[in-house]
Amino acid sequence: MHTGGRDEDRVSESPRRRVQRSVADTSQHEQAGAAWPGWCSDWRTTYADLPDQTLRPNRAFAQVRVSLYKTHRAALVALDEPAYGPMLRLPSGALTRTLVSSPSVNGDATREVGGVASVVGNVFISSVGQGRPPAHRGSEAVRAQMRIHRRIQAAVLALG
């Protein structure tokens, strides 16, 4: 899933919008196997606009986690857990759920966040993020996350 070597990936179709990748330590999640039967391991990263304080002081972002489960059934249990919308089957066969909400952060509920959860094979993919300012539209965040999910799903399917 990590193609290696590159410090940047594109999430948007626009060649001007590039994202910066950072890999987080997953050691804190080693106990997840007890909470999620069949969980083996996961990988996390955050995609965000490159810092540009004059044009976009509040960056758009997507936090993505890819989790490996022992079986497809165990991954489906994880997909059933979030309070996301209805389950949709994509043409690739992947199952996906989405969510747009307006959480209150320090009393401010004007920003929307979007989330996506999906399963392909025994891989569970989850993400949450925020669109670009000033609107911070959750639907924009969901569209960007779906592009990330489809790329990961295609890579999983290519592995067989």
N, C-alpha and C. Protein backbone atom coordinates (compact mmCIF):
# COMPACT_ATOMS: atom_id res chain seq x y z
N MET A 1 0.81 -1.17 0.00
CA MET A 1 0.00 0.00 0.00
C MET A 1 0.86 1.24 0.00
N HIS A 2 1.95 1.26 0.77
CA HIS A 2 2.88 2.37 0.70
C HIS A 2 3.78 2.12 -0.49
N THR A 3 3.77 3.06 -1.43
CA THR A 3 4.54 2.85 -2.65
C THR A 3 5.99 3.24 -2.47
N GLY A 4 6.31 3.85 -1.35
CA GLY A 4 7.69 4.14 -0.98
C GLY A 4 8.34 5.21 -1.82
N GLY A 5 9.40 5.76 -1.28
CA GLY A 5 10.25 6.64 -2.02
C GLY A 5 9.81 8.09 -2.13
N ARG A 6 8.55 8.37 -2.28
CA ARG A 6 8.11 9.73 -2.52
C ARG A 6 7.75 10.40 -1.20
N ASP A 7 8.09 11.69 -1.09
CA ASP A 7 7.73 12.45 0.09
C ASP A 7 6.36 13.07 -0.04
N GLU A 8 5.82 13.10 -1.26
CA GLU A 8 4.53 13.74 -1.48
C GLU A 8 3.68 12.87 -2.40
N ASP A 9 2.40 12.90 -2.21
CA ASP A 9 1.43 12.23 -3.09
C ASP A 9 0.37 13.26 -3.45
N ARG A 10 -0.29 13.07 -4.54
CA ARG A 10 -1.41 13.93 -4.91
C ARG A 10 -2.70 13.27 -4.48
N VAL A 11 -3.58 14.03 -3.86
CA VAL A 11 -4.91 13.54 -3.52
C VAL A 11 -5.92 14.20 -4.42
N SER A 12 -5.69 15.43 -4.77
CA SER A 12 -6.59 16.19 -5.62
C SER A 12 -6.20 16.04 -7.07
N GLU A 13 -7.17 16.20 -7.98
CA GLU A 13 -6.86 16.17 -9.39
C GLU A 13 -6.07 17.41 -9.81
N SER A 14 -6.14 18.48 -9.04
CA SER A 14 -5.45 19.71 -9.36
C SER A 14 -3.95 19.54 -9.11
N PRO A 15 -3.11 19.80 -10.11
CA PRO A 15 -1.68 19.64 -9.91
C PRO A 15 -1.09 20.66 -8.95
N ARG A 16 -1.83 21.72 -8.62
CA ARG A 16 -1.32 22.74 -7.70
C ARG A 16 -1.50 22.34 -6.25
N ARG A 17 -2.36 21.42 -5.97
CA ARG A 17 -2.63 21.02 -4.58
C ARG A 17 -1.90 19.73 -4.28
N ARG A 18 -0.85 19.85 -3.50
CA ARG A 18 -0.06 18.68 -3.14
C ARG A 18 -0.22 18.43 -1.66
N VAL A 19 0.01 17.23 -1.25
CA VAL A 19 -0.16 16.88 0.15
C VAL A 19 1.17 16.40 0.72
N GLN A 20 1.30 16.53 2.01
CA GLN A 20 2.49 16.10 2.71
C GLN A 20 2.12 14.88 3.54
N ARG A 21 2.94 13.84 3.47
CA ARG A 21 2.66 12.60 4.18
C ARG A 21 3.54 12.51 5.42
N SER A 22 2.95 12.03 6.51
CA SER A 22 3.72 11.75 7.72
C SER A 22 3.21 10.42 8.27
N VAL A 23 4.11 9.55 8.65
CA VAL A 23 3.74 8.24 9.16
C VAL A 23 3.79 8.26 10.68
N ALA A 24 2.73 7.78 11.31
CA ALA A 24 2.63 7.78 12.77
C ALA A 24 3.07 6.45 13.34
N ASP A 25 3.50 6.47 14.58
CA ASP A 25 3.90 5.26 15.29
C ASP A 25 2.64 4.47 15.65
N THR A 26 2.60 3.18 15.30
CA THR A 26 1.41 2.38 15.58
C THR A 26 1.58 1.51 16.83
N SER A 27 2.68 1.66 17.57
CA SER A 27 2.90 0.80 18.74
C SER A 27 1.81 0.98 19.79
N GLN A 28 1.19 2.16 19.86
CA GLN A 28 0.14 2.37 20.85
C GLN A 28 -1.11 1.55 20.55
N HIS A 29 -1.20 0.98 19.37
CA HIS A 29 -2.39 0.23 18.97
C HIS A 29 -2.19 -1.27 19.06
N GLU A 30 -1.10 -1.71 19.67
CA GLU A 30 -0.83 -3.14 19.74
C GLU A 30 -1.87 -3.90 20.53
N GLN A 31 -2.57 -3.22 21.43
CA GLN A 31 -3.59 -3.88 22.23
C GLN A 31 -4.94 -3.94 21.52
N ALA A 32 -5.02 -3.42 20.31
CA ALA A 32 -6.29 -3.40 19.58
C ALA A 32 -6.82 -4.80 19.31
N GLY A 33 -5.94 -5.78 19.21
CA GLY A 33 -6.36 -7.15 18.96
C GLY A 33 -7.33 -7.67 20.00
N ALA A 34 -7.17 -7.22 21.23
CA ALA A 34 -8.08 -7.65 22.29
C ALA A 34 -9.46 -7.02 22.10
N ALA A 35 -9.50 -5.77 21.64
CA ALA A 35 -10.78 -5.08 21.45
C ALA A 35 -11.43 -5.47 20.12
N TRP A 36 -10.64 -5.78 19.12
CA TRP A 36 -11.12 -6.13 17.79
C TRP A 36 -10.62 -7.52 17.43
N PRO A 37 -11.40 -8.56 17.70
CA PRO A 37 -10.95 -9.92 17.37
C PRO A 37 -10.58 -10.04 15.90
N GLY A 38 -9.45 -10.65 15.65
CA GLY A 38 -8.99 -10.85 14.29
C GLY A 38 -8.08 -9.74 13.78
N TRP A 39 -7.92 -8.66 14.56
CA TRP A 39 -7.05 -7.55 14.15
C TRP A 39 -5.60 -8.01 14.19
N CYS A 40 -4.86 -7.68 13.13
CA CYS A 40 -3.44 -8.06 13.07
C CYS A 40 -2.51 -6.87 13.23
N SER A 41 -2.73 -5.85 12.44
CA SER A 41 -1.83 -4.70 12.45
C SER A 41 -2.48 -3.56 11.69
N ASP A 42 -1.92 -2.36 11.83
CA ASP A 42 -2.41 -1.26 11.02
C ASP A 42 -1.31 -0.25 10.70
N TRP A 43 -1.64 0.61 9.78
CA TRP A 43 -0.74 1.66 9.30
C TRP A 43 -1.56 2.93 9.25
N ARG A 44 -0.99 4.04 9.72
CA ARG A 44 -1.71 5.31 9.74
C ARG A 44 -0.87 6.40 9.08
N THR A 45 -1.56 7.36 8.50
CA THR A 45 -0.88 8.52 7.94
C THR A 45 -1.86 9.69 7.90
N THR A 46 -1.32 10.88 7.79
CA THR A 46 -2.14 12.08 7.63
C THR A 46 -1.73 12.77 6.35
N TYR A 47 -2.71 13.05 5.52
CA TYR A 47 -2.50 13.83 4.30
C TYR A 47 -3.01 15.24 4.59
N ALA A 48 -2.22 16.26 4.23
CA ALA A 48 -2.63 17.64 4.46
C ALA A 48 -2.04 18.53 3.38
N ASP A 49 -2.69 19.68 3.17
CA ASP A 49 -2.13 20.68 2.28
C ASP A 49 -0.75 21.06 2.78
N LEU A 50 0.13 21.39 1.87
CA LEU A 50 1.42 21.92 2.28
C LEU A 50 1.19 23.26 2.97
N PRO A 51 1.98 23.57 3.99
CA PRO A 51 1.75 24.83 4.71
C PRO A 51 1.93 26.04 3.79
N ASP A 52 0.97 26.91 3.81
CA ASP A 52 1.02 28.15 3.06
C ASP A 52 0.23 29.17 3.87
N GLN A 53 0.89 29.77 4.81
CA GLN A 53 0.21 30.61 5.79
C GLN A 53 -0.45 31.84 5.18
N THR A 54 -0.01 32.30 4.02
CA THR A 54 -0.63 33.48 3.45
C THR A 54 -1.91 33.14 2.69
N LEU A 55 -1.95 31.97 2.05
CA LEU A 55 -3.14 31.62 1.28
C LEU A 55 -4.11 30.74 2.05
N ARG A 56 -3.59 29.76 2.79
CA ARG A 56 -4.45 28.80 3.48
C ARG A 56 -3.92 28.56 4.90
N PRO A 57 -4.22 29.47 5.83
CA PRO A 57 -3.70 29.26 7.19
C PRO A 57 -4.30 28.04 7.87
N ASN A 58 -5.52 27.63 7.49
CA ASN A 58 -6.15 26.43 8.05
C ASN A 58 -6.19 25.37 6.96
N ARG A 59 -5.37 24.37 7.10
CA ARG A 59 -5.20 23.39 6.03
C ARG A 59 -6.30 22.34 6.04
N ALA A 60 -6.61 21.83 4.84
CA ALA A 60 -7.47 20.67 4.72
C ALA A 60 -6.63 19.45 5.10
N PHE A 61 -7.27 18.39 5.59
CA PHE A 61 -6.51 17.21 5.97
C PHE A 61 -7.38 15.97 5.87
N ALA A 62 -6.72 14.83 5.84
CA ALA A 62 -7.38 13.53 5.96
C ALA A 62 -6.46 12.61 6.75
N GLN A 63 -6.97 12.04 7.81
CA GLN A 63 -6.24 11.05 8.59
C GLN A 63 -6.74 9.68 8.16
N VAL A 64 -5.82 8.82 7.73
CA VAL A 64 -6.19 7.53 7.14
C VAL A 64 -5.52 6.41 7.93
N ARG A 65 -6.29 5.36 8.17
CA ARG A 65 -5.76 4.16 8.83
C ARG A 65 -6.14 2.95 7.98
N VAL A 66 -5.17 2.09 7.74
CA VAL A 66 -5.38 0.84 7.01
C VAL A 66 -5.09 -0.28 8.00
N SER A 67 -6.09 -1.11 8.27
CA SER A 67 -5.95 -2.19 9.26
C SER A 67 -6.09 -3.54 8.59
N LEU A 68 -5.23 -4.44 8.94
CA LEU A 68 -5.26 -5.81 8.42
C LEU A 68 -5.93 -6.72 9.45
N TYR A 69 -6.89 -7.50 8.99
CA TYR A 69 -7.59 -8.47 9.84
C TYR A 69 -7.31 -9.87 9.33
N LYS A 70 -7.49 -10.86 10.19
CA LYS A 70 -7.24 -12.25 9.79
C LYS A 70 -8.22 -12.72 8.72
N THR A 71 -9.46 -12.24 8.80
CA THR A 71 -10.48 -12.70 7.85
C THR A 71 -11.33 -11.53 7.37
N HIS A 72 -12.02 -11.74 6.28
CA HIS A 72 -12.97 -10.76 5.76
C HIS A 72 -14.07 -10.51 6.77
N ARG A 73 -14.56 -11.56 7.40
CA ARG A 73 -15.63 -11.43 8.39
C ARG A 73 -15.21 -10.54 9.56
N ALA A 74 -13.97 -10.67 10.03
CA ALA A 74 -13.48 -9.83 11.13
C ALA A 74 -13.40 -8.37 10.70
N ALA A 75 -13.00 -8.11 9.45
CA ALA A 75 -12.95 -6.74 8.94
C ALA A 75 -14.35 -6.15 8.84
N LEU A 76 -15.34 -6.98 8.49
CA LEU A 76 -16.72 -6.50 8.40
C LEU A 76 -17.26 -6.08 9.77
N VAL A 77 -16.82 -6.74 10.84
CA VAL A 77 -17.23 -6.34 12.19
C VAL A 77 -16.77 -4.91 12.45
N ALA A 78 -15.55 -4.58 12.03
CA ALA A 78 -15.05 -3.21 12.21
C ALA A 78 -15.88 -2.23 11.38
N LEU A 79 -16.28 -2.61 10.18
CA LEU A 79 -17.08 -1.73 9.33
C LEU A 79 -18.46 -1.48 9.92
N ASP A 80 -19.01 -2.46 10.62
CA ASP A 80 -20.33 -2.31 11.24
C ASP A 80 -20.30 -1.39 12.46
N GLU A 81 -19.14 -1.21 13.07
CA GLU A 81 -19.04 -0.49 14.33
C GLU A 81 -19.31 1.02 14.22
N PRO A 82 -18.72 1.75 13.28
CA PRO A 82 -18.93 3.20 13.27
C PRO A 82 -20.38 3.57 12.99
N ALA A 83 -20.76 4.72 13.49
CA ALA A 83 -22.13 5.22 13.27
C ALA A 83 -22.20 5.98 11.95
N TYR A 84 -21.71 5.38 10.91
CA TYR A 84 -21.71 6.01 9.58
C TYR A 84 -23.01 5.69 8.88
N GLY A 85 -23.16 6.18 7.65
CA GLY A 85 -24.37 5.99 6.88
C GLY A 85 -24.53 4.57 6.38
N PRO A 86 -25.46 4.37 5.45
CA PRO A 86 -25.72 3.02 4.94
C PRO A 86 -24.52 2.45 4.19
N MET A 87 -24.47 1.14 4.16
CA MET A 87 -23.39 0.44 3.48
C MET A 87 -23.65 0.43 1.98
N LEU A 88 -22.63 0.79 1.21
CA LEU A 88 -22.72 0.77 -0.25
C LEU A 88 -21.66 -0.18 -0.80
N ARG A 89 -22.03 -0.93 -1.84
CA ARG A 89 -21.06 -1.80 -2.51
C ARG A 89 -20.58 -1.07 -3.76
N LEU A 90 -19.27 -0.83 -3.83
CA LEU A 90 -18.68 -0.18 -4.99
C LEU A 90 -18.52 -1.18 -6.13
N PRO A 91 -18.34 -0.71 -7.37
CA PRO A 91 -18.15 -1.63 -8.50
C PRO A 91 -16.97 -2.59 -8.31
N SER A 92 -15.98 -2.18 -7.52
CA SER A 92 -14.82 -3.04 -7.25
C SER A 92 -15.17 -4.18 -6.30
N GLY A 93 -16.33 -4.09 -5.64
CA GLY A 93 -16.72 -5.08 -4.65
C GLY A 93 -16.48 -4.62 -3.23
N ALA A 94 -15.77 -3.51 -3.06
CA ALA A 94 -15.50 -2.98 -1.72
C ALA A 94 -16.80 -2.47 -1.11
N LEU A 95 -16.93 -2.62 0.20
CA LEU A 95 -18.07 -2.10 0.95
C LEU A 95 -17.65 -0.80 1.62
N THR A 96 -18.50 0.24 1.54
CA THR A 96 -18.13 1.56 2.02
C THR A 96 -19.28 2.21 2.78
N ARG A 97 -18.93 2.98 3.80
CA ARG A 97 -19.88 3.81 4.54
C ARG A 97 -19.27 5.20 4.69
N THR A 98 -20.11 6.25 4.65
CA THR A 98 -19.60 7.61 4.79
C THR A 98 -20.39 8.37 5.86
N LEU A 99 -19.81 9.49 6.29
CA LEU A 99 -20.44 10.32 7.31
C LEU A 99 -20.00 11.76 7.11
N VAL A 100 -20.94 12.70 7.23
CA VAL A 100 -20.63 14.12 7.31
C VAL A 100 -21.28 14.63 8.58
N SER A 101 -20.49 15.30 9.43
CA SER A 101 -21.05 15.81 10.69
C SER A 101 -20.45 17.17 11.00
N SER A 102 -21.07 17.85 11.96
CA SER A 102 -20.60 19.17 12.40
C SER A 102 -20.28 19.10 13.89
N PRO A 103 -19.08 18.66 14.23
CA PRO A 103 -18.73 18.58 15.65
C PRO A 103 -18.50 19.97 16.23
N SER A 104 -18.75 20.11 17.48
CA SER A 104 -18.49 21.38 18.16
C SER A 104 -17.07 21.34 18.73
N VAL A 105 -16.23 22.23 18.25
CA VAL A 105 -14.85 22.32 18.73
C VAL A 105 -14.70 23.67 19.40
N ASN A 106 -14.48 23.66 20.71
CA ASN A 106 -14.38 24.89 21.48
C ASN A 106 -15.60 25.79 21.26
N GLY A 107 -16.78 25.18 21.18
CA GLY A 107 -18.03 25.92 21.01
C GLY A 107 -18.33 26.33 19.58
N ASP A 108 -17.47 25.97 18.64
CA ASP A 108 -17.66 26.34 17.23
C ASP A 108 -18.10 25.11 16.45
N ALA A 109 -19.35 25.11 15.96
CA ALA A 109 -19.88 23.98 15.19
C ALA A 109 -20.07 24.36 13.73
N THR A 110 -19.32 25.35 13.24
CA THR A 110 -19.50 25.81 11.86
C THR A 110 -18.75 24.95 10.85
N ARG A 111 -17.76 24.21 11.29
CA ARG A 111 -16.98 23.38 10.37
C ARG A 111 -17.58 21.98 10.28
N GLU A 112 -17.54 21.44 9.09
CA GLU A 112 -17.98 20.06 8.89
C GLU A 112 -16.77 19.16 8.72
N VAL A 113 -16.91 17.94 9.18
CA VAL A 113 -15.90 16.92 8.93
C VAL A 113 -16.56 15.79 8.17
N GLY A 114 -15.76 15.06 7.44
CA GLY A 114 -16.25 13.90 6.70
C GLY A 114 -15.46 12.68 7.11
N GLY A 115 -16.11 11.54 7.04
CA GLY A 115 -15.44 10.29 7.35
C GLY A 115 -15.85 9.22 6.37
N VAL A 116 -14.95 8.28 6.14
CA VAL A 116 -15.20 7.15 5.26
C VAL A 116 -14.65 5.90 5.93
N ALA A 117 -15.39 4.81 5.86
CA ALA A 117 -14.93 3.51 6.33
C ALA A 117 -15.22 2.51 5.21
N SER A 118 -14.28 1.63 4.92
CA SER A 118 -14.51 0.66 3.86
C SER A 118 -13.75 -0.63 4.14
N VAL A 119 -14.22 -1.69 3.50
CA VAL A 119 -13.59 -3.01 3.60
C VAL A 119 -13.42 -3.58 2.21
N VAL A 120 -12.24 -4.10 1.95
CA VAL A 120 -11.98 -4.88 0.74
C VAL A 120 -11.14 -6.08 1.20
N GLY A 121 -11.65 -7.27 0.94
CA GLY A 121 -10.97 -8.47 1.43
C GLY A 121 -10.91 -8.45 2.95
N ASN A 122 -9.72 -8.65 3.51
CA ASN A 122 -9.56 -8.62 4.96
C ASN A 122 -8.91 -7.31 5.42
N VAL A 123 -9.05 -6.25 4.62
CA VAL A 123 -8.47 -4.95 4.93
C VAL A 123 -9.59 -3.95 5.23
N PHE A 124 -9.48 -3.31 6.39
CA PHE A 124 -10.42 -2.27 6.81
C PHE A 124 -9.71 -0.93 6.68
N ILE A 125 -10.33 0.02 5.99
CA ILE A 125 -9.75 1.35 5.78
C ILE A 125 -10.69 2.35 6.42
N SER A 126 -10.15 3.23 7.25
CA SER A 126 -10.98 4.27 7.86
C SER A 126 -10.26 5.60 7.73
N SER A 127 -11.05 6.66 7.59
CA SER A 127 -10.47 7.99 7.47
C SER A 127 -11.44 9.03 7.98
N VAL A 128 -10.88 10.16 8.38
CA VAL A 128 -11.66 11.31 8.80
C VAL A 128 -10.88 12.54 8.36
N GLY A 129 -11.60 13.61 8.03
CA GLY A 129 -10.91 14.81 7.60
C GLY A 129 -11.82 15.99 7.45
N GLN A 130 -11.21 17.08 7.03
CA GLN A 130 -11.90 18.35 6.89
C GLN A 130 -11.54 18.96 5.55
N GLY A 131 -12.52 19.59 4.90
CA GLY A 131 -12.29 20.25 3.63
C GLY A 131 -11.56 21.57 3.79
N ARG A 132 -11.33 22.21 2.67
CA ARG A 132 -10.59 23.47 2.68
C ARG A 132 -11.43 24.62 3.24
N PRO A 133 -10.76 25.57 3.88
CA PRO A 133 -11.45 26.77 4.35
C PRO A 133 -11.90 27.62 3.16
N PRO A 134 -12.83 28.52 3.30
CA PRO A 134 -13.42 28.89 4.59
C PRO A 134 -14.59 27.99 4.98
N ALA A 135 -15.14 27.24 4.04
CA ALA A 135 -16.37 26.48 4.34
C ALA A 135 -16.11 25.20 5.13
N HIS A 136 -14.94 24.59 4.95
CA HIS A 136 -14.64 23.31 5.61
C HIS A 136 -15.76 22.30 5.37
N ARG A 137 -16.17 22.14 4.13
CA ARG A 137 -17.29 21.25 3.82
C ARG A 137 -16.92 19.78 4.01
N GLY A 138 -17.76 19.08 4.74
CA GLY A 138 -17.54 17.66 4.97
C GLY A 138 -17.66 16.84 3.71
N SER A 139 -18.57 17.23 2.80
CA SER A 139 -18.74 16.48 1.56
C SER A 139 -17.48 16.57 0.70
N GLU A 140 -16.78 17.70 0.73
CA GLU A 140 -15.51 17.84 0.01
C GLU A 140 -14.48 16.89 0.60
N ALA A 141 -14.46 16.80 1.92
CA ALA A 141 -13.53 15.90 2.59
C ALA A 141 -13.83 14.44 2.24
N VAL A 142 -15.11 14.08 2.17
CA VAL A 142 -15.50 12.71 1.82
C VAL A 142 -15.04 12.38 0.40
N ARG A 143 -15.24 13.30 -0.53
CA ARG A 143 -14.80 13.05 -1.92
C ARG A 143 -13.29 12.81 -1.99
N ALA A 144 -12.52 13.62 -1.29
CA ALA A 144 -11.07 13.45 -1.29
C ALA A 144 -10.68 12.11 -0.64
N GLN A 145 -11.36 11.75 0.45
CA GLN A 145 -11.06 10.49 1.13
C GLN A 145 -11.45 9.29 0.27
N MET A 146 -12.54 9.41 -0.47
CA MET A 146 -12.94 8.30 -1.35
C MET A 146 -11.88 8.04 -2.41
N ARG A 147 -11.22 9.09 -2.91
CA ARG A 147 -10.13 8.88 -3.87
C ARG A 147 -9.00 8.09 -3.22
N ILE A 148 -8.69 8.41 -1.97
CA ILE A 148 -7.64 7.68 -1.25
C ILE A 148 -8.08 6.23 -1.04
N HIS A 149 -9.32 6.02 -0.59
CA HIS A 149 -9.83 4.67 -0.34
C HIS A 149 -9.78 3.84 -1.63
N ARG A 150 -10.22 4.41 -2.75
CA ARG A 150 -10.22 3.65 -4.01
C ARG A 150 -8.81 3.24 -4.42
N ARG A 151 -7.83 4.10 -4.19
CA ARG A 151 -6.44 3.75 -4.53
C ARG A 151 -5.95 2.60 -3.65
N ILE A 152 -6.27 2.66 -2.36
CA ILE A 152 -5.86 1.59 -1.45
C ILE A 152 -6.60 0.30 -1.82
N GLN A 153 -7.91 0.40 -2.08
CA GLN A 153 -8.69 -0.78 -2.45
C GLN A 153 -8.13 -1.42 -3.71
N ALA A 154 -7.77 -0.62 -4.71
CA ALA A 154 -7.22 -1.16 -5.96
C ALA A 154 -5.89 -1.87 -5.68
N ALA A 155 -5.08 -1.32 -4.80
CA ALA A 155 -3.81 -1.96 -4.46
C ALA A 155 -4.04 -3.30 -3.76
N VAL A 156 -5.02 -3.34 -2.86
CA VAL A 156 -5.35 -4.61 -2.16
C VAL A 156 -5.84 -5.65 -3.17
N LEU A 157 -6.73 -5.22 -4.06
CA LEU A 157 -7.26 -6.16 -5.05
C LEU A 157 -6.17 -6.64 -6.02
N ALA A 158 -5.21 -5.79 -6.32
CA ALA A 158 -4.12 -6.19 -7.22
C ALA A 158 -3.23 -7.25 -6.58
N LEU A 159 -3.18 -7.26 -5.24
CA LEU A 159 -2.38 -8.28 -4.54
C LEU A 159 -3.02 -9.65 -4.61
N GLY A 160 -4.32 -9.68 -4.93
CA GLY A 160 -5.02 -10.95 -5.06
C GLY A 160 -5.60 -11.41 -3.85
